[in-house]
């Protein structure tokens, strides 16, 4: 793998071991849970599945919220 990477244009960038602020998918799932799960009770699995599917089918209605949440503009405070 190292040999391949040395001759390719791919640059590996390693994240710190625990960096929740850099984890965009973690932010997305948190938004999903807040929107679909929090303070809601689904009587059946079908209702839960329908709510999940509706969330993903209607992602465009959350565009403004997701755009500000899933940004890659980070403030660097200093070296640890």
PDB file of N, CA and C in Angstrom:
ATOM      1  N   UNK A   1       0.824  -1.173   0.000  1.00  0.00           N
ATOM      2  CA  UNK A   1       0.000   0.000   0.000  1.00  0.00           C
ATOM      3  C   UNK A   1       0.879   1.252   0.000  1.00  0.00           C
ATOM      4  N   UNK A   2       1.914   1.246   0.826  1.00  0.00           N
ATOM      5  CA  UNK A   2       2.789   2.423   0.888  1.00  0.00           C
ATOM      6  C   UNK A   2       3.452   2.686  -0.457  1.00  0.00           C
ATOM      7  N   UNK A   3       3.829   1.606  -1.146  1.00  0.00           N
ATOM      8  CA  UNK A   3       4.432   1.761  -2.462  1.00  0.00           C
ATOM      9  C   UNK A   3       3.470   2.376  -3.460  1.00  0.00           C
ATOM     10  N   UNK A   4       2.242   1.932  -3.429  1.00  0.00           N
ATOM     11  CA  UNK A   4       1.229   2.490  -4.322  1.00  0.00           C
ATOM     12  C   UNK A   4       0.999   3.959  -4.017  1.00  0.00           C
ATOM     13  N   UNK A   5       0.855   4.291  -2.750  1.00  0.00           N
ATOM     14  CA  UNK A   5       0.596   5.675  -2.365  1.00  0.00           C
ATOM     15  C   UNK A   5       1.765   6.594  -2.698  1.00  0.00           C
ATOM     16  N   UNK A   6       2.976   6.069  -2.642  1.00  0.00           N
ATOM     17  CA  UNK A   6       4.149   6.886  -2.958  1.00  0.00           C
ATOM     18  C   UNK A   6       4.140   7.322  -4.419  1.00  0.00           C
ATOM     19  N   UNK A   7       3.550   6.509  -5.286  1.00  0.00           N
ATOM     20  CA  UNK A   7       3.525   6.817  -6.715  1.00  0.00           C
ATOM     21  C   UNK A   7       2.176   7.341  -7.202  1.00  0.00           C
ATOM     22  N   UNK A   8       1.294   7.665  -6.288  1.00  0.00           N
ATOM     23  CA  UNK A   8      -0.020   8.159  -6.698  1.00  0.00           C
ATOM     24  C   UNK A   8      -0.206   9.598  -6.229  1.00  0.00           C
ATOM     25  N   UNK A   9      -1.294  10.175  -6.656  1.00  0.00           N
ATOM     26  CA  UNK A   9      -1.600  11.548  -6.244  1.00  0.00           C
ATOM     27  C   UNK A   9      -2.466  11.576  -4.988  1.00  0.00           C
ATOM     28  N   UNK A  10      -2.659  10.427  -4.387  1.00  0.00           N
ATOM     29  CA  UNK A  10      -3.470  10.335  -3.176  1.00  0.00           C
ATOM     30  C   UNK A  10      -2.627  10.712  -1.971  1.00  0.00           C
ATOM     31  N   UNK A  11      -3.146  11.602  -1.172  1.00  0.00           N
ATOM     32  CA  UNK A  11      -2.463  11.994   0.062  1.00  0.00           C
ATOM     33  C   UNK A  11      -3.348  11.607   1.241  1.00  0.00           C
ATOM     34  N   UNK A  12      -2.832  10.751   2.103  1.00  0.00           N
ATOM     35  CA  UNK A  12      -3.587  10.353   3.284  1.00  0.00           C
ATOM     36  C   UNK A  12      -3.494  11.449   4.332  1.00  0.00           C
ATOM     37  N   UNK A  13      -4.628  11.790   4.900  1.00  0.00           N
ATOM     38  CA  UNK A  13      -4.683  12.778   5.974  1.00  0.00           C
ATOM     39  C   UNK A  13      -5.327  12.082   7.160  1.00  0.00           C
ATOM     40  N   UNK A  14      -4.570  11.922   8.226  1.00  0.00           N
ATOM     41  CA  UNK A  14      -5.064  11.211   9.391  1.00  0.00           C
ATOM     42  C   UNK A  14      -5.718  12.178  10.361  1.00  0.00           C
ATOM     43  N   UNK A  15      -6.868  11.777  10.878  1.00  0.00           N
ATOM     44  CA  UNK A  15      -7.564  12.562  11.890  1.00  0.00           C
ATOM     45  C   UNK A  15      -7.038  12.178  13.269  1.00  0.00           C
ATOM     46  N   UNK A  16      -7.183  13.061  14.222  1.00  0.00           N
ATOM     47  CA  UNK A  16      -6.841  12.682  15.596  1.00  0.00           C
ATOM     48  C   UNK A  16      -7.696  11.481  16.012  1.00  0.00           C
ATOM     49  N   UNK A  17      -7.258  10.720  17.020  1.00  0.00           N
ATOM     50  CA  UNK A  17      -8.008   9.528  17.425  1.00  0.00           C
ATOM     51  C   UNK A  17      -9.471   9.813  17.750  1.00  0.00           C
ATOM     52  N   UNK A  18      -9.744  10.941  18.368  1.00  0.00           N
ATOM     53  CA  UNK A  18     -11.124  11.291  18.688  1.00  0.00           C
ATOM     54  C   UNK A  18     -11.323  12.737  18.304  1.00  0.00           C
ATOM     55  N   UNK A  19     -12.042  12.960  17.231  1.00  0.00           N
ATOM     56  CA  UNK A  19     -12.251  14.319  16.742  1.00  0.00           C
ATOM     57  C   UNK A  19     -13.691  14.478  16.280  1.00  0.00           C
ATOM     58  N   UNK A  20     -14.644  14.555  17.212  1.00  0.00           N
ATOM     59  CA  UNK A  20     -16.048  14.637  16.808  1.00  0.00           C
ATOM     60  C   UNK A  20     -16.365  15.858  15.964  1.00  0.00           C
ATOM     61  N   UNK A  21     -15.644  16.946  16.143  1.00  0.00           N
ATOM     62  CA  UNK A  21     -15.908  18.148  15.351  1.00  0.00           C
ATOM     63  C   UNK A  21     -15.491  17.977  13.894  1.00  0.00           C
ATOM     64  N   UNK A  22     -14.580  17.050  13.635  1.00  0.00           N
ATOM     65  CA  UNK A  22     -14.127  16.815  12.266  1.00  0.00           C
ATOM     66  C   UNK A  22     -14.925  15.711  11.578  1.00  0.00           C
ATOM     67  N   UNK A  23     -15.769  15.037  12.312  1.00  0.00           N
ATOM     68  CA  UNK A  23     -16.512  13.895  11.796  1.00  0.00           C
ATOM     69  C   UNK A  23     -17.851  14.359  11.225  1.00  0.00           C
ATOM     70  N   UNK A  24     -17.884  14.617   9.932  1.00  0.00           N
ATOM     71  CA  UNK A  24     -19.102  15.122   9.297  1.00  0.00           C
ATOM     72  C   UNK A  24     -20.246  14.116   9.342  1.00  0.00           C
ATOM     73  N   UNK A  25     -19.950  12.837   9.185  1.00  0.00           N
ATOM     74  CA  UNK A  25     -21.023  11.846   9.213  1.00  0.00           C
ATOM     75  C   UNK A  25     -21.621  11.757  10.609  1.00  0.00           C
ATOM     76  N   UNK A  26     -20.794  11.965  11.636  1.00  0.00           N
ATOM     77  CA  UNK A  26     -21.314  11.995  13.002  1.00  0.00           C
ATOM     78  C   UNK A  26     -22.284  13.144  13.203  1.00  0.00           C
ATOM     79  N   UNK A  27     -21.978  14.279  12.627  1.00  0.00           N
ATOM     80  CA  UNK A  27     -22.889  15.427  12.707  1.00  0.00           C
ATOM     81  C   UNK A  27     -24.195  15.140  11.972  1.00  0.00           C
ATOM     82  N   UNK A  28     -24.065  14.506  10.812  1.00  0.00           N
ATOM     83  CA  UNK A  28     -25.268  14.179  10.041  1.00  0.00           C
ATOM     84  C   UNK A  28     -26.166  13.223  10.812  1.00  0.00           C
ATOM     85  N   UNK A  29     -25.586  12.163  11.404  1.00  0.00           N
ATOM     86  CA  UNK A  29     -26.393  11.203  12.155  1.00  0.00           C
ATOM     87  C   UNK A  29     -27.017  11.852  13.380  1.00  0.00           C
ATOM     88  N   UNK A  30     -26.321  12.771  14.003  1.00  0.00           N
ATOM     89  CA  UNK A  30     -26.896  13.485  15.146  1.00  0.00           C
ATOM     90  C   UNK A  30     -28.120  14.288  14.695  1.00  0.00           C
ATOM     91  N   UNK A  31     -28.019  14.943  13.552  1.00  0.00           N
ATOM     92  CA  UNK A  31     -29.149  15.689  13.004  1.00  0.00           C
ATOM     93  C   UNK A  31     -30.300  14.741  12.670  1.00  0.00           C
ATOM     94  N   UNK A  32     -29.979  13.607  12.075  1.00  0.00           N
ATOM     95  CA  UNK A  32     -30.989  12.600  11.749  1.00  0.00           C
ATOM     96  C   UNK A  32     -31.726  12.151  13.007  1.00  0.00           C
ATOM     97  N   UNK A  33     -30.968  11.810  14.050  1.00  0.00           N
ATOM     98  CA  UNK A  33     -31.598  11.349  15.290  1.00  0.00           C
ATOM     99  C   UNK A  33     -32.456  12.437  15.918  1.00  0.00           C
ATOM    100  N   UNK A  34     -31.959  13.668  15.885  1.00  0.00           N
ATOM    101  CA  UNK A  34     -32.732  14.778  16.445  1.00  0.00           C
ATOM    102  C   UNK A  34     -34.037  14.971  15.681  1.00  0.00           C
ATOM    103  N   UNK A  35     -33.985  14.813  14.377  1.00  0.00           N
ATOM    104  CA  UNK A  35     -35.151  15.042  13.530  1.00  0.00           C
ATOM    105  C   UNK A  35     -36.143  13.880  13.567  1.00  0.00           C
ATOM    106  N   UNK A  36     -35.635  12.655  13.570  1.00  0.00           N
ATOM    107  CA  UNK A  36     -36.502  11.486  13.428  1.00  0.00           C
ATOM    108  C   UNK A  36     -36.796  10.785  14.756  1.00  0.00           C
ATOM    109  N   UNK A  37     -35.843  10.782  15.673  1.00  0.00           N
ATOM    110  CA  UNK A  37     -35.992   9.951  16.862  1.00  0.00           C
ATOM    111  C   UNK A  37     -36.367  10.692  18.140  1.00  0.00           C
ATOM    112  N   UNK A  38     -35.741  11.831  18.394  1.00  0.00           N
ATOM    113  CA  UNK A  38     -35.917  12.495  19.681  1.00  0.00           C
ATOM    114  C   UNK A  38     -37.364  12.891  19.914  1.00  0.00           C
ATOM    115  N   UNK A  39     -37.842  12.629  21.106  1.00  0.00           N
ATOM    116  CA  UNK A  39     -39.190  12.996  21.548  1.00  0.00           C
ATOM    117  C   UNK A  39     -40.279  12.416  20.655  1.00  0.00           C
ATOM    118  N   UNK A  40     -40.014  11.258  20.093  1.00  0.00           N
ATOM    119  CA  UNK A  40     -40.998  10.591  19.248  1.00  0.00           C
ATOM    120  C   UNK A  40     -41.070   9.118  19.636  1.00  0.00           C
ATOM    121  N   UNK A  41     -42.238   8.589  19.525  1.00  0.00           N
ATOM    122  CA  UNK A  41     -42.440   7.163  19.772  1.00  0.00           C
ATOM    123  C   UNK A  41     -43.153   6.580  18.561  1.00  0.00           C
ATOM    124  N   UNK A  42     -42.615   5.519  18.038  1.00  0.00           N
ATOM    125  CA  UNK A  42     -43.227   4.847  16.897  1.00  0.00           C
ATOM    126  C   UNK A  42     -43.835   3.541  17.387  1.00  0.00           C
ATOM    127  N   UNK A  43     -45.109   3.413  17.173  1.00  0.00           N
ATOM    128  CA  UNK A  43     -45.867   2.254  17.649  1.00  0.00           C
ATOM    129  C   UNK A  43     -45.368   0.964  17.006  1.00  0.00           C
ATOM    130  N   UNK A  44     -45.004   1.052  15.734  1.00  0.00           N
ATOM    131  CA  UNK A  44     -44.565  -0.144  15.008  1.00  0.00           C
ATOM    132  C   UNK A  44     -43.244   0.135  14.300  1.00  0.00           C
ATOM    133  N   UNK A  45     -42.582  -0.944  13.938  1.00  0.00           N
ATOM    134  CA  UNK A  45     -41.350  -0.805  13.165  1.00  0.00           C
ATOM    135  C   UNK A  45     -41.639  -0.162  11.812  1.00  0.00           C
ATOM    136  N   UNK A  46     -42.778  -0.479  11.238  1.00  0.00           N
ATOM    137  CA  UNK A  46     -43.158   0.102   9.948  1.00  0.00           C
ATOM    138  C   UNK A  46     -43.235   1.628  10.043  1.00  0.00           C
ATOM    139  N   UNK A  47     -43.805   2.156  11.118  1.00  0.00           N
ATOM    140  CA  UNK A  47     -43.884   3.611  11.304  1.00  0.00           C
ATOM    141  C   UNK A  47     -42.487   4.214  11.432  1.00  0.00           C
ATOM    142  N   UNK A  48     -41.628   3.525  12.166  1.00  0.00           N
ATOM    143  CA  UNK A  48     -40.246   3.990  12.316  1.00  0.00           C
ATOM    144  C   UNK A  48     -39.534   3.995  10.966  1.00  0.00           C
ATOM    145  N   UNK A  49     -39.671   2.905  10.231  1.00  0.00           N
ATOM    146  CA  UNK A  49     -39.029   2.800   8.914  1.00  0.00           C
ATOM    147  C   UNK A  49     -39.558   3.870   7.966  1.00  0.00           C
ATOM    148  N   UNK A  50     -40.849   4.121   8.012  1.00  0.00           N
ATOM    149  CA  UNK A  50     -41.449   5.151   7.165  1.00  0.00           C
ATOM    150  C   UNK A  50     -40.903   6.528   7.514  1.00  0.00           C
ATOM    151  N   UNK A  51     -40.752   6.812   8.802  1.00  0.00           N
ATOM    152  CA  UNK A  51     -40.192   8.099   9.226  1.00  0.00           C
ATOM    153  C   UNK A  51     -38.755   8.251   8.731  1.00  0.00           C
ATOM    154  N   UNK A  52     -37.974   7.188   8.815  1.00  0.00           N
ATOM    155  CA  UNK A  52     -36.589   7.229   8.318  1.00  0.00           C
ATOM    156  C   UNK A  52     -36.562   7.457   6.813  1.00  0.00           C
ATOM    157  N   UNK A  53     -37.385   6.718   6.092  1.00  0.00           N
ATOM    158  CA  UNK A  53     -37.436   6.875   4.634  1.00  0.00           C
ATOM    159  C   UNK A  53     -37.897   8.272   4.235  1.00  0.00           C
ATOM    160  N   UNK A  54     -38.871   8.803   4.956  1.00  0.00           N
ATOM    161  CA  UNK A  54     -39.350  10.159   4.663  1.00  0.00           C
ATOM    162  C   UNK A  54     -38.264  11.199   4.902  1.00  0.00           C
ATOM    163  N   UNK A  55     -37.469  10.992   5.941  1.00  0.00           N
ATOM    164  CA  UNK A  55     -36.354  11.907   6.213  1.00  0.00           C
ATOM    165  C   UNK A  55     -35.406  11.944   5.017  1.00  0.00           C
ATOM    166  N   UNK A  56     -34.980  10.776   4.561  1.00  0.00           N
ATOM    167  CA  UNK A  56     -34.024  10.726   3.459  1.00  0.00           C
ATOM    168  C   UNK A  56     -34.648  11.175   2.139  1.00  0.00           C
ATOM    169  N   UNK A  57     -35.919  10.881   1.941  1.00  0.00           N
ATOM    170  CA  UNK A  57     -36.591  11.316   0.713  1.00  0.00           C
ATOM    171  C   UNK A  57     -36.770  12.828   0.681  1.00  0.00           C
ATOM    172  N   UNK A  58     -36.859  13.446   1.852  1.00  0.00           N
ATOM    173  CA  UNK A  58     -37.084  14.885   1.919  1.00  0.00           C
ATOM    174  C   UNK A  58     -35.885  15.679   2.386  1.00  0.00           C
ATOM    175  N   UNK A  59     -34.686  15.188   2.114  1.00  0.00           N
ATOM    176  CA  UNK A  59     -33.475  15.886   2.564  1.00  0.00           C
ATOM    177  C   UNK A  59     -33.408  17.326   2.079  1.00  0.00           C
ATOM    178  N   UNK A  60     -33.994  17.605   0.930  1.00  0.00           N
ATOM    179  CA  UNK A  60     -33.924  18.964   0.392  1.00  0.00           C
ATOM    180  C   UNK A  60     -34.593  19.985   1.309  1.00  0.00           C
ATOM    181  N   UNK A  61     -35.545  19.570   2.125  1.00  0.00           N
ATOM    182  CA  UNK A  61     -36.185  20.517   3.041  1.00  0.00           C
ATOM    183  C   UNK A  61     -35.279  20.890   4.213  1.00  0.00           C
ATOM    184  N   UNK A  62     -34.212  20.118   4.427  1.00  0.00           N
ATOM    185  CA  UNK A  62     -33.262  20.406   5.501  1.00  0.00           C
ATOM    186  C   UNK A  62     -31.986  21.049   4.966  1.00  0.00           C
ATOM    187  N   UNK A  63     -32.024  21.488   3.731  1.00  0.00           N
ATOM    188  CA  UNK A  63     -30.821  21.997   3.061  1.00  0.00           C
ATOM    189  C   UNK A  63     -30.119  23.084   3.865  1.00  0.00           C
ATOM    190  N   UNK A  64     -30.851  24.066   4.347  1.00  0.00           N
ATOM    191  CA  UNK A  64     -30.230  25.179   5.076  1.00  0.00           C
ATOM    192  C   UNK A  64     -29.578  24.695   6.363  1.00  0.00           C
ATOM    193  N   UNK A  65     -30.264  23.852   7.098  1.00  0.00           N
ATOM    194  CA  UNK A  65     -29.712  23.331   8.354  1.00  0.00           C
ATOM    195  C   UNK A  65     -28.474  22.488   8.099  1.00  0.00           C
ATOM    196  N   UNK A  66     -28.559  21.610   7.115  1.00  0.00           N
ATOM    197  CA  UNK A  66     -27.425  20.734   6.827  1.00  0.00           C
ATOM    198  C   UNK A  66     -26.251  21.500   6.241  1.00  0.00           C
ATOM    199  N   UNK A  67     -26.533  22.523   5.474  1.00  0.00           N
ATOM    200  CA  UNK A  67     -25.444  23.304   4.877  1.00  0.00           C
ATOM    201  C   UNK A  67     -24.590  23.964   5.956  1.00  0.00           C
ATOM    202  N   UNK A  68     -25.223  24.501   6.985  1.00  0.00           N
ATOM    203  CA  UNK A  68     -24.451  25.139   8.055  1.00  0.00           C
ATOM    204  C   UNK A  68     -23.833  24.104   8.988  1.00  0.00           C
ATOM    205  N   UNK A  69     -24.471  22.947   9.121  1.00  0.00           N
ATOM    206  CA  UNK A  69     -23.981  21.913  10.026  1.00  0.00           C
ATOM    207  C   UNK A  69     -22.821  21.132   9.432  1.00  0.00           C
ATOM    208  N   UNK A  70     -22.873  20.872   8.144  1.00  0.00           N
ATOM    209  CA  UNK A  70     -21.878  20.022   7.493  1.00  0.00           C
ATOM    210  C   UNK A  70     -20.841  20.844   6.747  1.00  0.00           C
ATOM    211  N   UNK A  71     -20.322  21.825   7.389  1.00  0.00           N
ATOM    212  CA  UNK A  71     -19.306  22.682   6.781  1.00  0.00           C
ATOM    213  C   UNK A  71     -17.913  22.147   7.088  1.00  0.00           C
ATOM    214  N   UNK A  72     -16.971  22.482   6.255  1.00  0.00           N
ATOM    215  CA  UNK A  72     -15.590  22.088   6.525  1.00  0.00           C
ATOM    216  C   UNK A  72     -14.741  23.286   6.935  1.00  0.00           C
ATOM    217  N   UNK A  73     -15.385  24.330   7.373  1.00  0.00           N
ATOM    218  CA  UNK A  73     -14.673  25.511   7.869  1.00  0.00           C
ATOM    219  C   UNK A  73     -14.450  25.340   9.368  1.00  0.00           C
ATOM    220  N   UNK A  74     -13.250  25.024   9.748  1.00  0.00           N
ATOM    221  CA  UNK A  74     -12.929  24.778  11.142  1.00  0.00           C
ATOM    222  C   UNK A  74     -11.998  25.862  11.654  1.00  0.00           C
ATOM    223  N   UNK A  75     -12.157  26.183  12.903  1.00  0.00           N
ATOM    224  CA  UNK A  75     -11.271  27.152  13.540  1.00  0.00           C
ATOM    225  C   UNK A  75     -10.159  26.383  14.235  1.00  0.00           C
ATOM    226  N   UNK A  76      -8.931  26.709  13.916  1.00  0.00           N
ATOM    227  CA  UNK A  76      -7.793  26.061  14.551  1.00  0.00           C
ATOM    228  C   UNK A  76      -7.412  26.877  15.773  1.00  0.00           C
ATOM    229  N   UNK A  77      -7.489  26.244  16.929  1.00  0.00           N
ATOM    230  CA  UNK A  77      -7.229  26.943  18.189  1.00  0.00           C
ATOM    231  C   UNK A  77      -5.754  26.907  18.536  1.00  0.00           C
ATOM    232  N   UNK A  78      -5.118  25.824  18.313  1.00  0.00           N
ATOM    233  CA  UNK A  78      -3.699  25.713  18.623  1.00  0.00           C
ATOM    234  C   UNK A  78      -3.282  24.258  18.606  1.00  0.00           C
ATOM    235  N   UNK A  79      -2.013  24.027  18.733  1.00  0.00           N
ATOM    236  CA  UNK A  79      -1.498  22.660  18.731  1.00  0.00           C
ATOM    237  C   UNK A  79      -1.625  22.066  20.117  1.00  0.00           C
ATOM    238  N   UNK A  80      -1.952  20.794  20.158  1.00  0.00           N
ATOM    239  CA  UNK A  80      -2.106  20.099  21.443  1.00  0.00           C
ATOM    240  C   UNK A  80      -0.761  19.733  22.016  1.00  0.00           C
TER     241      UNK A  80
END
